[in-house]
Every structure is written in structure tokens, then in C-alpha cells.
Amino acid sequence: MAPTKLIAGLIGPVMAAIGIAMLLNRQAFPEMITQVAQNYAIIFLSGALSLLAGVAIVRVHNVWTGGWPVIVTILGWLLIVGGVARMWCPKKASEIATTFGSDPTLLLVAGAVLLALGAFLSFKAYGTTI
């Protein structure tokens, strides 16, 4: 169970911070997303970094037995799939990002979900014993 708390303690605060940043900077995020979506090199690099993070998580934490630790494994696999998708199909990723960035409601929901999930993982990593 130690890898679960370690990984949750790393990704939880990062997810919460990104969620807060999205909520605090709602007006700036569409422009930021547009700028990133126009740069295939950044999309590719973000895909490579996501793939690396996902493989690292799944390599040490491929746990599918019930409870909250499964969330960590699912996040690892989502990072792998998202990273590969951005590396293999940067043009499609650009189109998706542009669509995502143009919807203020979707940005608000995404920020809230990241904040909630990050807070939950942080609480599990730092606030309780497993």
C-alpha cells in the first residue's frame, strides 16, 4: 500500500493545484489552450511526458483490487492512453483542445473535477492511514 500513498501524495496536490489554477484563471485558459493547440511540438512533448508519468505509475502500481487505490491505477492508464494519443495524433489532439478550450462550462467542470479528485487523493495520501 506504500506505493499507493506515495503516488497519491504526488499527483493529488498537482491535480488540485491545476484545478485551482483553471478556476482562478477561467478567462485566460481559452487563450492558453488555443496557443498550445497551435503548437504540435508542445502537444507532442506533453504526450511524451504524460506517457512517461503513466508508465511510471502503472509500472509500480497496477492494482485492480477494489477501493480507492484503483483510482491511482486508472489515472496511470489514462496518462498512458492520453500521452500516446497526443504523440501519434497531434493534429487531432489540437482539434480536441481547441473545442475544449472554447467551452467555458467544460473548463469550469474540468477545473472542479481536478480540484475534487486532487483533494481526495491528497487526503488519502496525507490525511488518513490505509
C-alpha atoms as a PDB file:
ATOM      1  CA  MET A   1       0.000   0.000   0.000  1.00  0.00           C
ATOM      2  CA  ALA A   2       3.020   2.317   0.360  1.00  0.00           C
ATOM      3  CA  PRO A   3       3.291   2.974  -3.412  1.00  0.00           C
ATOM      4  CA  THR A   4      -0.384   3.953  -3.447  1.00  0.00           C
ATOM      5  CA  LYS A   5       0.098   6.659  -0.820  1.00  0.00           C
ATOM      6  CA  LEU A   6       3.348   7.812  -2.414  1.00  0.00           C
ATOM      7  CA  ILE A   7       1.805   8.222  -5.873  1.00  0.00           C
ATOM      8  CA  ALA A   8      -1.405   9.761  -4.497  1.00  0.00           C
ATOM      9  CA  GLY A   9       0.755  12.163  -2.488  1.00  0.00           C
ATOM     10  CA  LEU A  10       2.499  13.246  -5.688  1.00  0.00           C
ATOM     11  CA  ILE A  11      -0.381  13.504  -8.118  1.00  0.00           C
ATOM     12  CA  GLY A  12      -3.070  14.653  -5.673  1.00  0.00           C
ATOM     13  CA  PRO A  13      -1.581  18.080  -4.881  1.00  0.00           C
ATOM     14  CA  VAL A  14      -0.610  18.610  -8.536  1.00  0.00           C
ATOM     15  CA  MET A  15      -4.141  17.847  -9.729  1.00  0.00           C
ATOM     16  CA  ALA A  16      -5.618  20.103  -7.031  1.00  0.00           C
ATOM     17  CA  ALA A  17      -3.251  22.938  -7.976  1.00  0.00           C
ATOM     18  CA  ILE A  18      -4.135  22.595 -11.668  1.00  0.00           C
ATOM     19  CA  GLY A  19      -7.840  22.565 -10.803  1.00  0.00           C
ATOM     20  CA  ILE A  20      -7.477  25.721  -8.710  1.00  0.00           C
ATOM     21  CA  ALA A  21      -5.453  27.392 -11.475  1.00  0.00           C
ATOM     22  CA  MET A  22      -8.163  26.553 -14.011  1.00  0.00           C
ATOM     23  CA  LEU A  23     -10.852  28.007 -11.752  1.00  0.00           C
ATOM     24  CA  LEU A  24      -8.891  31.145 -10.890  1.00  0.00           C
ATOM     25  CA  ASN A  25      -7.830  31.809 -14.486  1.00  0.00           C
ATOM     26  CA  ARG A  26     -11.024  30.937 -16.332  1.00  0.00           C
ATOM     27  CA  GLN A  27     -10.696  33.946 -18.624  1.00  0.00           C
ATOM     28  CA  ALA A  28      -7.072  33.214 -19.559  1.00  0.00           C
ATOM     29  CA  PHE A  29      -7.390  29.457 -20.114  1.00  0.00           C
ATOM     30  CA  PRO A  30      -9.150  29.578 -23.512  1.00  0.00           C
ATOM     31  CA  GLU A  31      -6.327  31.699 -24.936  1.00  0.00           C
ATOM     32  CA  MET A  32      -3.669  29.492 -23.321  1.00  0.00           C
ATOM     33  CA  ILE A  33      -5.293  26.365 -24.739  1.00  0.00           C
ATOM     34  CA  THR A  34      -5.514  27.971 -28.180  1.00  0.00           C
ATOM     35  CA  GLN A  35      -1.804  28.816 -28.081  1.00  0.00           C
ATOM     36  CA  VAL A  36      -0.859  25.274 -27.054  1.00  0.00           C
ATOM     37  CA  ALA A  37      -3.228  23.738 -29.600  1.00  0.00           C
ATOM     38  CA  GLN A  38      -1.431  25.613 -32.390  1.00  0.00           C
ATOM     39  CA  ASN A  39       1.950  24.161 -31.448  1.00  0.00           C
ATOM     40  CA  TYR A  40       2.334  20.486 -32.389  1.00  0.00           C
ATOM     41  CA  ALA A  41       5.744  20.328 -30.687  1.00  0.00           C
ATOM     42  CA  ILE A  42       4.193  21.207 -27.330  1.00  0.00           C
ATOM     43  CA  ILE A  43       1.405  18.694 -27.903  1.00  0.00           C
ATOM     44  CA  PHE A  44       3.975  16.013 -28.709  1.00  0.00           C
ATOM     45  CA  LEU A  45       6.150  16.905 -25.708  1.00  0.00           C
ATOM     46  CA  SER A  46       3.166  16.908 -23.350  1.00  0.00           C
ATOM     47  CA  GLY A  47       2.239  13.498 -24.746  1.00  0.00           C
ATOM     48  CA  ALA A  48       5.726  12.140 -24.112  1.00  0.00           C
ATOM     49  CA  LEU A  49       5.681  13.466 -20.542  1.00  0.00           C
ATOM     50  CA  SER A  50       2.216  12.026 -19.934  1.00  0.00           C
ATOM     51  CA  LEU A  51       3.319   8.682 -21.322  1.00  0.00           C
ATOM     52  CA  LEU A  52       6.368   8.707 -19.058  1.00  0.00           C
ATOM     53  CA  ALA A  53       4.296   9.555 -15.977  1.00  0.00           C
ATOM     54  CA  GLY A  54       1.674   6.940 -16.839  1.00  0.00           C
ATOM     55  CA  VAL A  55       4.205   4.165 -17.425  1.00  0.00           C
ATOM     56  CA  ALA A  56       5.946   5.057 -14.148  1.00  0.00           C
ATOM     57  CA  ILE A  57       2.662   4.854 -12.245  1.00  0.00           C
ATOM     58  CA  VAL A  58       1.466   1.634 -13.865  1.00  0.00           C
ATOM     59  CA  ARG A  59       4.910   0.030 -13.536  1.00  0.00           C
ATOM     60  CA  VAL A  60       4.825   0.309  -9.741  1.00  0.00           C
ATOM     61  CA  HIS A  61       1.060   0.409  -9.204  1.00  0.00           C
ATOM     62  CA  ASN A  62      -1.044  -1.805 -11.476  1.00  0.00           C
ATOM     63  CA  VAL A  63      -3.581  -2.547  -8.730  1.00  0.00           C
ATOM     64  CA  TRP A  64      -7.100  -3.551  -9.731  1.00  0.00           C
ATOM     65  CA  THR A  65      -8.460  -4.757  -6.402  1.00  0.00           C
ATOM     66  CA  GLY A  66     -11.300  -2.582  -5.063  1.00  0.00           C
ATOM     67  CA  GLY A  67     -11.157   0.576  -3.066  1.00  0.00           C
ATOM     68  CA  TRP A  68      -9.638   3.956  -3.754  1.00  0.00           C
ATOM     69  CA  PRO A  69      -6.187   2.645  -4.879  1.00  0.00           C
ATOM     70  CA  VAL A  70      -7.802   1.656  -8.203  1.00  0.00           C
ATOM     71  CA  ILE A  71      -8.164   5.392  -8.933  1.00  0.00           C
ATOM     72  CA  VAL A  72      -4.367   5.690  -8.985  1.00  0.00           C
ATOM     73  CA  THR A  73      -4.080   2.822 -11.468  1.00  0.00           C
ATOM     74  CA  ILE A  74      -6.833   4.244 -13.678  1.00  0.00           C
ATOM     75  CA  LEU A  75      -5.095   7.637 -13.711  1.00  0.00           C
ATOM     76  CA  GLY A  76      -1.853   5.922 -14.741  1.00  0.00           C
ATOM     77  CA  TRP A  77      -3.548   4.167 -17.652  1.00  0.00           C
ATOM     78  CA  LEU A  78      -5.337   7.375 -18.687  1.00  0.00           C
ATOM     79  CA  LEU A  79      -1.960   9.134 -18.762  1.00  0.00           C
ATOM     80  CA  ILE A  80      -0.581   6.375 -20.987  1.00  0.00           C
ATOM     81  CA  VAL A  81      -3.515   6.470 -23.409  1.00  0.00           C
ATOM     82  CA  GLY A  82      -3.606  10.277 -23.489  1.00  0.00           C
ATOM     83  CA  GLY A  83       0.147  10.511 -23.967  1.00  0.00           C
ATOM     84  CA  VAL A  84       0.223   8.031 -26.827  1.00  0.00           C
ATOM     85  CA  ALA A  85      -2.777   9.715 -28.459  1.00  0.00           C
ATOM     86  CA  ARG A  86      -1.062  13.121 -28.373  1.00  0.00           C
ATOM     87  CA  MET A  87       2.189  11.685 -29.738  1.00  0.00           C
ATOM     88  CA  TRP A  88       0.569   9.685 -32.531  1.00  0.00           C
ATOM     89  CA  CYS A  89      -2.192  12.141 -33.474  1.00  0.00           C
ATOM     90  CA  PRO A  90      -1.125  15.687 -32.585  1.00  0.00           C
ATOM     91  CA  LYS A  91      -3.446  17.250 -35.173  1.00  0.00           C
ATOM     92  CA  LYS A  92      -6.498  15.510 -33.709  1.00  0.00           C
ATOM     93  CA  ALA A  93      -5.334  16.428 -30.204  1.00  0.00           C
ATOM     94  CA  SER A  94      -5.127  20.036 -31.358  1.00  0.00           C
ATOM     95  CA  GLU A  95      -8.717  19.921 -32.616  1.00  0.00           C
ATOM     96  CA  ILE A  96      -9.936  18.409 -29.334  1.00  0.00           C
ATOM     97  CA  ALA A  97      -8.047  21.002 -27.292  1.00  0.00           C
ATOM     98  CA  THR A  98      -9.482  23.839 -29.368  1.00  0.00           C
ATOM     99  CA  THR A  99     -13.012  22.532 -28.848  1.00  0.00           C
ATOM    100  CA  PHE A 100     -12.378  22.018 -25.132  1.00  0.00           C
ATOM    101  CA  GLY A 101     -10.870  25.475 -24.722  1.00  0.00           C
ATOM    102  CA  SER A 102     -13.783  27.226 -26.382  1.00  0.00           C
ATOM    103  CA  ASP A 103     -16.363  25.912 -23.889  1.00  0.00           C
ATOM    104  CA  PRO A 104     -16.290  27.879 -20.600  1.00  0.00           C
ATOM    105  CA  THR A 105     -18.652  25.416 -18.899  1.00  0.00           C
ATOM    106  CA  LEU A 106     -16.419  22.487 -19.781  1.00  0.00           C
ATOM    107  CA  LEU A 107     -13.388  24.338 -18.411  1.00  0.00           C
ATOM    108  CA  LEU A 108     -15.259  25.073 -15.178  1.00  0.00           C
ATOM    109  CA  VAL A 109     -16.332  21.447 -14.781  1.00  0.00           C
ATOM    110  CA  ALA A 110     -12.830  20.158 -15.591  1.00  0.00           C
ATOM    111  CA  GLY A 111     -11.281  22.507 -13.038  1.00  0.00           C
ATOM    112  CA  ALA A 112     -13.772  21.435 -10.367  1.00  0.00           C
ATOM    113  CA  VAL A 113     -13.242  17.734 -11.113  1.00  0.00           C
ATOM    114  CA  LEU A 114      -9.444  18.093 -10.985  1.00  0.00           C
ATOM    115  CA  LEU A 115      -9.682  20.011  -7.718  1.00  0.00           C
ATOM    116  CA  ALA A 116     -12.022  17.454  -6.153  1.00  0.00           C
ATOM    117  CA  LEU A 117     -10.017  14.431  -7.313  1.00  0.00           C
ATOM    118  CA  GLY A 118      -6.740  16.053  -6.298  1.00  0.00           C
ATOM    119  CA  ALA A 119      -8.133  16.936  -2.861  1.00  0.00           C
ATOM    120  CA  PHE A 120      -9.416  13.371  -2.416  1.00  0.00           C
ATOM    121  CA  LEU A 121      -6.071  11.806  -3.355  1.00  0.00           C
ATOM    122  CA  SER A 122      -4.196  14.296  -1.180  1.00  0.00           C
ATOM    123  CA  PHE A 123      -6.462  13.484   1.755  1.00  0.00           C
ATOM    124  CA  LYS A 124      -5.936   9.765   1.249  1.00  0.00           C
ATOM    125  CA  ALA A 125      -2.169  10.225   0.999  1.00  0.00           C
ATOM    126  CA  TYR A 126      -1.649  12.680   3.840  1.00  0.00           C
ATOM    127  CA  GLY A 127      -4.778  12.690   5.985  1.00  0.00           C
ATOM    128  CA  THR A 128      -5.509   9.080   6.772  1.00  0.00           C
ATOM    129  CA  THR A 129      -3.884   5.736   7.300  1.00  0.00           C
ATOM    130  CA  ILE A 130      -4.573   2.948   4.853  1.00  0.00           C
END
